[in-house]
N, C-alpha and C. Protein backbone atom coordinates (compact mmCIF):
# COMPACT_ATOMS: atom_id res chain seq x y z
N UNK A 1 -12.40 -12.82 -18.42
CA UNK A 1 -12.19 -12.14 -17.15
C UNK A 1 -10.80 -11.50 -17.14
N UNK A 2 -10.69 -10.37 -16.49
CA UNK A 2 -9.44 -9.65 -16.32
C UNK A 2 -9.18 -9.50 -14.84
N UNK A 3 -7.94 -9.72 -14.46
CA UNK A 3 -7.53 -9.53 -13.07
C UNK A 3 -6.50 -8.41 -12.99
N UNK A 4 -6.66 -7.55 -12.00
CA UNK A 4 -5.77 -6.43 -11.78
C UNK A 4 -5.24 -6.50 -10.36
N UNK A 5 -3.94 -6.37 -10.21
CA UNK A 5 -3.31 -6.43 -8.90
C UNK A 5 -2.43 -5.21 -8.72
N UNK A 6 -2.80 -4.35 -7.76
CA UNK A 6 -2.01 -3.16 -7.46
C UNK A 6 -0.97 -3.46 -6.39
N UNK A 7 0.08 -2.68 -6.41
CA UNK A 7 1.10 -2.76 -5.37
C UNK A 7 1.81 -1.42 -5.29
N UNK A 8 2.54 -1.22 -4.21
CA UNK A 8 3.37 -0.04 -4.07
C UNK A 8 2.88 1.01 -3.10
N UNK A 9 1.68 0.84 -2.57
CA UNK A 9 1.18 1.81 -1.61
C UNK A 9 1.93 1.73 -0.30
N UNK A 10 1.73 2.75 0.52
CA UNK A 10 2.39 2.78 1.81
C UNK A 10 2.26 4.13 2.46
N UNK A 11 3.07 4.33 3.50
CA UNK A 11 3.08 5.57 4.27
C UNK A 11 4.32 6.37 3.93
N UNK A 12 4.13 7.62 3.53
CA UNK A 12 5.24 8.51 3.21
C UNK A 12 4.99 9.88 3.81
N UNK A 13 6.05 10.63 3.99
CA UNK A 13 5.93 12.00 4.45
C UNK A 13 5.61 12.93 3.28
N UNK A 14 4.98 14.04 3.59
CA UNK A 14 4.72 15.05 2.57
C UNK A 14 6.01 15.42 1.86
N UNK A 15 5.92 15.52 0.54
CA UNK A 15 7.08 15.80 -0.28
C UNK A 15 7.78 14.57 -0.80
N UNK A 16 7.41 13.42 -0.29
CA UNK A 16 8.03 12.17 -0.71
C UNK A 16 7.41 11.62 -1.97
N UNK A 17 7.87 10.42 -2.34
CA UNK A 17 7.44 9.80 -3.59
C UNK A 17 7.08 8.34 -3.37
N UNK A 18 6.20 7.85 -4.22
CA UNK A 18 5.85 6.45 -4.29
C UNK A 18 5.61 6.10 -5.75
N UNK A 19 5.82 4.84 -6.08
CA UNK A 19 5.47 4.35 -7.40
C UNK A 19 4.51 3.17 -7.25
N UNK A 20 3.32 3.33 -7.78
CA UNK A 20 2.33 2.28 -7.77
C UNK A 20 2.44 1.46 -9.04
N UNK A 21 2.15 0.18 -8.92
CA UNK A 21 2.16 -0.72 -10.06
C UNK A 21 0.83 -1.45 -10.14
N UNK A 22 0.40 -1.75 -11.35
CA UNK A 22 -0.81 -2.52 -11.57
C UNK A 22 -0.53 -3.54 -12.66
N UNK A 23 -0.57 -4.79 -12.30
CA UNK A 23 -0.34 -5.88 -13.24
C UNK A 23 -1.68 -6.46 -13.69
N UNK A 24 -1.88 -6.51 -14.98
CA UNK A 24 -3.12 -7.02 -15.56
C UNK A 24 -2.89 -8.38 -16.18
N UNK A 25 -3.88 -9.23 -16.06
CA UNK A 25 -3.82 -10.55 -16.66
C UNK A 25 -5.22 -10.98 -17.06
N UNK A 26 -5.30 -11.98 -17.92
CA UNK A 26 -6.58 -12.50 -18.36
C UNK A 26 -6.86 -12.18 -19.81
N UNK A 27 -8.14 -12.05 -20.14
CA UNK A 27 -8.58 -11.82 -21.51
C UNK A 27 -8.61 -10.33 -21.80
N UNK A 28 -7.47 -9.81 -22.21
CA UNK A 28 -7.32 -8.39 -22.50
C UNK A 28 -7.37 -8.18 -24.00
N UNK A 29 -8.28 -7.33 -24.44
CA UNK A 29 -8.46 -7.06 -25.86
C UNK A 29 -7.80 -5.74 -26.25
N UNK A 30 -7.76 -5.51 -27.55
CA UNK A 30 -7.06 -4.34 -28.07
C UNK A 30 -7.74 -3.03 -27.70
N UNK A 31 -9.01 -3.08 -27.33
CA UNK A 31 -9.73 -1.87 -26.95
C UNK A 31 -9.44 -1.41 -25.53
N UNK A 32 -8.68 -2.19 -24.79
CA UNK A 32 -8.48 -1.92 -23.37
C UNK A 32 -7.72 -0.62 -23.13
N UNK A 33 -8.21 0.15 -22.17
CA UNK A 33 -7.51 1.32 -21.67
C UNK A 33 -7.44 1.21 -20.16
N UNK A 34 -6.37 1.73 -19.58
CA UNK A 34 -6.15 1.60 -18.16
C UNK A 34 -5.87 2.95 -17.53
N UNK A 35 -6.18 3.04 -16.26
CA UNK A 35 -5.93 4.27 -15.54
C UNK A 35 -5.94 4.04 -14.05
N UNK A 36 -5.68 5.13 -13.33
CA UNK A 36 -5.65 5.12 -11.87
C UNK A 36 -6.72 6.05 -11.32
N UNK A 37 -7.41 5.59 -10.31
CA UNK A 37 -8.42 6.35 -9.59
C UNK A 37 -8.10 6.32 -8.11
N UNK A 38 -8.71 7.22 -7.36
CA UNK A 38 -8.52 7.19 -5.92
C UNK A 38 -9.83 7.55 -5.24
N UNK A 39 -9.94 7.12 -3.99
CA UNK A 39 -11.17 7.33 -3.24
C UNK A 39 -10.85 7.48 -1.76
N UNK A 40 -11.46 8.47 -1.14
CA UNK A 40 -11.39 8.67 0.29
C UNK A 40 -12.74 8.35 0.90
N UNK A 41 -12.76 8.17 2.22
CA UNK A 41 -13.98 7.78 2.90
C UNK A 41 -15.09 8.78 2.67
N UNK A 42 -16.23 8.29 2.20
CA UNK A 42 -17.39 9.13 1.99
C UNK A 42 -17.40 9.92 0.70
N UNK A 43 -16.37 9.78 -0.11
CA UNK A 43 -16.28 10.53 -1.35
C UNK A 43 -16.39 9.61 -2.56
N UNK A 44 -16.70 10.22 -3.67
CA UNK A 44 -16.78 9.50 -4.94
C UNK A 44 -15.39 9.16 -5.44
N UNK A 45 -15.28 8.02 -6.06
CA UNK A 45 -14.01 7.64 -6.67
C UNK A 45 -13.71 8.59 -7.83
N UNK A 46 -12.50 9.13 -7.86
CA UNK A 46 -12.16 10.12 -8.85
C UNK A 46 -10.97 9.70 -9.69
N UNK A 47 -10.97 10.17 -10.92
CA UNK A 47 -9.87 9.90 -11.83
C UNK A 47 -8.61 10.61 -11.37
N UNK A 48 -7.50 9.90 -11.40
CA UNK A 48 -6.20 10.48 -11.12
C UNK A 48 -5.40 10.63 -12.41
N UNK A 49 -5.27 9.55 -13.14
CA UNK A 49 -4.52 9.56 -14.39
C UNK A 49 -4.97 8.37 -15.23
N UNK A 50 -4.99 8.54 -16.53
CA UNK A 50 -5.40 7.46 -17.40
C UNK A 50 -4.79 7.60 -18.77
N UNK A 51 -4.70 6.49 -19.46
CA UNK A 51 -4.41 6.49 -20.88
C UNK A 51 -5.72 6.60 -21.64
N UNK A 52 -5.69 7.34 -22.74
CA UNK A 52 -6.86 7.43 -23.61
C UNK A 52 -6.77 6.39 -24.70
N UNK A 53 -7.88 6.16 -25.38
CA UNK A 53 -7.89 5.18 -26.47
C UNK A 53 -7.02 5.64 -27.63
N UNK A 54 -6.77 6.93 -27.72
CA UNK A 54 -5.90 7.44 -28.75
C UNK A 54 -4.43 7.37 -28.40
N UNK A 55 -4.10 6.86 -27.23
CA UNK A 55 -2.72 6.70 -26.84
C UNK A 55 -2.16 7.84 -26.01
N UNK A 56 -2.96 8.85 -25.74
CA UNK A 56 -2.52 9.95 -24.92
C UNK A 56 -2.76 9.70 -23.45
N UNK A 57 -2.58 10.73 -22.66
CA UNK A 57 -2.79 10.64 -21.22
C UNK A 57 -3.69 11.76 -20.74
N UNK A 58 -4.33 11.53 -19.62
CA UNK A 58 -5.21 12.51 -19.00
C UNK A 58 -4.97 12.49 -17.50
N UNK A 59 -4.79 13.67 -16.91
CA UNK A 59 -4.51 13.78 -15.49
C UNK A 59 -5.51 14.70 -14.82
N UNK A 60 -5.82 14.39 -13.58
CA UNK A 60 -6.58 15.33 -12.77
C UNK A 60 -5.74 16.59 -12.55
N UNK A 61 -6.41 17.73 -12.51
CA UNK A 61 -5.69 18.98 -12.31
C UNK A 61 -4.86 18.97 -11.03
N UNK A 62 -5.35 18.30 -10.02
CA UNK A 62 -4.68 18.31 -8.73
C UNK A 62 -3.35 17.56 -8.72
N UNK A 63 -3.10 16.74 -9.73
CA UNK A 63 -1.87 15.95 -9.76
C UNK A 63 -0.97 16.28 -10.94
N UNK A 64 -1.40 17.16 -11.81
CA UNK A 64 -0.59 17.52 -12.96
C UNK A 64 0.75 18.09 -12.52
N UNK A 65 1.80 17.59 -13.15
CA UNK A 65 3.14 18.02 -12.81
C UNK A 65 3.77 17.25 -11.69
N UNK A 66 2.98 16.46 -10.98
CA UNK A 66 3.50 15.67 -9.86
C UNK A 66 3.42 14.17 -10.11
N UNK A 67 2.38 13.73 -10.78
CA UNK A 67 2.18 12.30 -11.05
C UNK A 67 2.41 12.02 -12.52
N UNK A 68 2.91 10.83 -12.81
CA UNK A 68 3.12 10.40 -14.18
C UNK A 68 2.65 8.96 -14.34
N UNK A 69 1.79 8.74 -15.32
CA UNK A 69 1.34 7.40 -15.63
C UNK A 69 2.19 6.85 -16.77
N UNK A 70 2.56 5.59 -16.68
CA UNK A 70 3.34 4.95 -17.70
C UNK A 70 2.94 3.48 -17.78
N UNK A 71 3.44 2.80 -18.79
CA UNK A 71 3.07 1.40 -18.95
C UNK A 71 4.20 0.62 -19.59
N UNK A 72 4.17 -0.67 -19.35
CA UNK A 72 5.09 -1.60 -19.97
C UNK A 72 4.21 -2.72 -20.54
N UNK A 73 3.93 -2.64 -21.82
CA UNK A 73 3.01 -3.59 -22.43
C UNK A 73 3.57 -5.02 -22.44
N UNK A 74 4.88 -5.15 -22.44
CA UNK A 74 5.46 -6.49 -22.41
C UNK A 74 5.18 -7.18 -21.09
N UNK A 75 4.92 -6.41 -20.04
CA UNK A 75 4.61 -6.96 -18.73
C UNK A 75 3.14 -6.79 -18.35
N UNK A 76 2.33 -6.22 -19.25
CA UNK A 76 0.93 -5.94 -18.96
C UNK A 76 0.78 -5.16 -17.66
N UNK A 77 1.61 -4.16 -17.50
CA UNK A 77 1.67 -3.42 -16.25
C UNK A 77 1.60 -1.92 -16.51
N UNK A 78 0.85 -1.23 -15.68
CA UNK A 78 0.78 0.22 -15.71
C UNK A 78 1.30 0.74 -14.38
N UNK A 79 1.96 1.89 -14.42
CA UNK A 79 2.58 2.47 -13.24
C UNK A 79 2.04 3.87 -12.99
N UNK A 80 2.13 4.28 -11.76
CA UNK A 80 1.84 5.66 -11.39
C UNK A 80 2.97 6.16 -10.51
N UNK A 81 3.81 7.01 -11.07
CA UNK A 81 4.87 7.64 -10.30
C UNK A 81 4.30 8.86 -9.62
N UNK A 82 4.39 8.90 -8.30
CA UNK A 82 3.78 9.95 -7.50
C UNK A 82 4.89 10.70 -6.78
N UNK A 83 5.11 11.94 -7.18
CA UNK A 83 6.14 12.78 -6.58
C UNK A 83 5.51 13.96 -5.86
N UNK A 84 6.29 14.58 -5.00
CA UNK A 84 5.83 15.75 -4.24
C UNK A 84 4.49 15.50 -3.59
N UNK A 85 4.37 14.39 -2.92
CA UNK A 85 3.10 13.99 -2.34
C UNK A 85 2.64 14.95 -1.25
N UNK A 86 1.34 15.14 -1.21
CA UNK A 86 0.70 16.02 -0.25
C UNK A 86 -0.26 15.23 0.62
N UNK A 87 -0.55 15.71 1.83
CA UNK A 87 -1.52 14.99 2.67
C UNK A 87 -2.86 14.75 1.97
N UNK A 88 -3.29 15.67 1.12
CA UNK A 88 -4.55 15.51 0.43
C UNK A 88 -4.51 14.42 -0.64
N UNK A 89 -3.33 13.87 -0.92
CA UNK A 89 -3.23 12.73 -1.81
C UNK A 89 -3.57 11.42 -1.11
N UNK A 90 -3.71 11.46 0.20
CA UNK A 90 -4.04 10.25 0.95
C UNK A 90 -5.36 9.68 0.47
N UNK A 91 -5.34 8.42 0.08
CA UNK A 91 -6.53 7.77 -0.46
C UNK A 91 -6.20 6.32 -0.75
N UNK A 92 -7.23 5.56 -1.05
CA UNK A 92 -7.04 4.24 -1.63
C UNK A 92 -6.98 4.42 -3.13
N UNK A 93 -5.93 3.94 -3.74
CA UNK A 93 -5.72 4.09 -5.17
C UNK A 93 -6.09 2.79 -5.86
N UNK A 94 -6.90 2.91 -6.90
CA UNK A 94 -7.40 1.76 -7.63
C UNK A 94 -6.95 1.81 -9.08
N UNK A 95 -6.57 0.68 -9.58
CA UNK A 95 -6.29 0.51 -11.00
C UNK A 95 -7.57 0.09 -11.71
N UNK A 96 -7.82 0.66 -12.88
CA UNK A 96 -9.00 0.30 -13.65
C UNK A 96 -8.63 -0.03 -15.09
N UNK A 97 -9.28 -1.03 -15.62
CA UNK A 97 -9.19 -1.37 -17.03
C UNK A 97 -10.59 -1.37 -17.62
N UNK A 98 -10.74 -0.76 -18.77
CA UNK A 98 -12.01 -0.76 -19.49
C UNK A 98 -11.78 -1.33 -20.88
N UNK A 99 -12.67 -2.23 -21.28
CA UNK A 99 -12.55 -2.78 -22.62
C UNK A 99 -13.91 -3.21 -23.13
N UNK A 100 -13.99 -3.39 -24.44
CA UNK A 100 -15.19 -3.93 -25.07
C UNK A 100 -15.06 -5.44 -25.08
N UNK A 101 -16.01 -6.11 -24.45
CA UNK A 101 -16.00 -7.55 -24.37
C UNK A 101 -16.45 -8.17 -25.69
N UNK A 102 -16.26 -9.46 -25.81
CA UNK A 102 -16.65 -10.14 -27.04
C UNK A 102 -18.14 -10.03 -27.32
N UNK A 103 -18.95 -9.92 -26.28
CA UNK A 103 -20.38 -9.76 -26.45
C UNK A 103 -20.78 -8.37 -26.93
N UNK A 104 -19.85 -7.43 -26.95
CA UNK A 104 -20.10 -6.12 -27.51
C UNK A 104 -20.31 -5.00 -26.51
N UNK A 105 -20.29 -5.29 -25.22
CA UNK A 105 -20.50 -4.26 -24.22
C UNK A 105 -19.17 -3.87 -23.57
N UNK A 106 -19.10 -2.64 -23.15
CA UNK A 106 -17.92 -2.17 -22.44
C UNK A 106 -18.03 -2.51 -20.97
N UNK A 107 -16.91 -2.88 -20.38
CA UNK A 107 -16.90 -3.32 -18.99
C UNK A 107 -15.68 -2.78 -18.27
N UNK A 108 -15.89 -2.34 -17.05
CA UNK A 108 -14.81 -1.89 -16.19
C UNK A 108 -14.35 -3.02 -15.29
N UNK A 109 -13.05 -3.14 -15.16
CA UNK A 109 -12.44 -4.04 -14.19
C UNK A 109 -11.64 -3.20 -13.20
N UNK A 110 -11.71 -3.57 -11.93
CA UNK A 110 -11.05 -2.83 -10.88
C UNK A 110 -10.15 -3.73 -10.07
N UNK A 111 -9.02 -3.18 -9.67
CA UNK A 111 -8.20 -3.86 -8.68
C UNK A 111 -8.78 -3.67 -7.30
N UNK A 112 -8.20 -4.33 -6.32
CA UNK A 112 -8.69 -4.23 -4.95
C UNK A 112 -8.28 -2.93 -4.27
N UNK A 113 -7.30 -2.25 -4.80
CA UNK A 113 -6.86 -0.98 -4.27
C UNK A 113 -5.62 -1.12 -3.40
N UNK A 114 -4.86 -0.05 -3.33
CA UNK A 114 -3.71 0.02 -2.46
C UNK A 114 -3.73 1.37 -1.74
N UNK A 115 -3.49 1.34 -0.44
CA UNK A 115 -3.62 2.53 0.38
C UNK A 115 -2.35 3.36 0.34
N UNK A 116 -2.53 4.64 0.06
CA UNK A 116 -1.45 5.62 0.12
C UNK A 116 -1.77 6.61 1.22
N UNK A 117 -0.88 6.73 2.19
CA UNK A 117 -1.06 7.66 3.29
C UNK A 117 0.12 8.63 3.31
N UNK A 118 -0.19 9.91 3.24
CA UNK A 118 0.83 10.95 3.23
C UNK A 118 0.69 11.74 4.53
N UNK A 119 1.71 11.70 5.34
CA UNK A 119 1.70 12.40 6.61
C UNK A 119 2.31 13.78 6.47
N UNK A 120 1.87 14.69 7.33
CA UNK A 120 2.40 16.05 7.33
C UNK A 120 3.48 16.25 8.36
């Protein structure tokens, strides 16, 4: 089992910044990749930023140049630095980890989410 705990959400004005953190613990294997997703009411959960299995990064077009994903493997933590925030960034942000389990299947793990509200 893997546990993910997000933190850092809150209320900010447009143009402001927040840094989200996601601490992972449990049975984490070498195949694990992590990323950030967000979801608004009535909408599908969408990718914001993620690490690829090749070690690169992938960002949604809407956040390129404003958000940066990073990690500290010594702390099993991934971060999302969010700059120049816009009201349309308002959402619940979720941390996700995907890995191949010992049984051979890939499995997604999700944090409970942290709310980011950007006021105009």
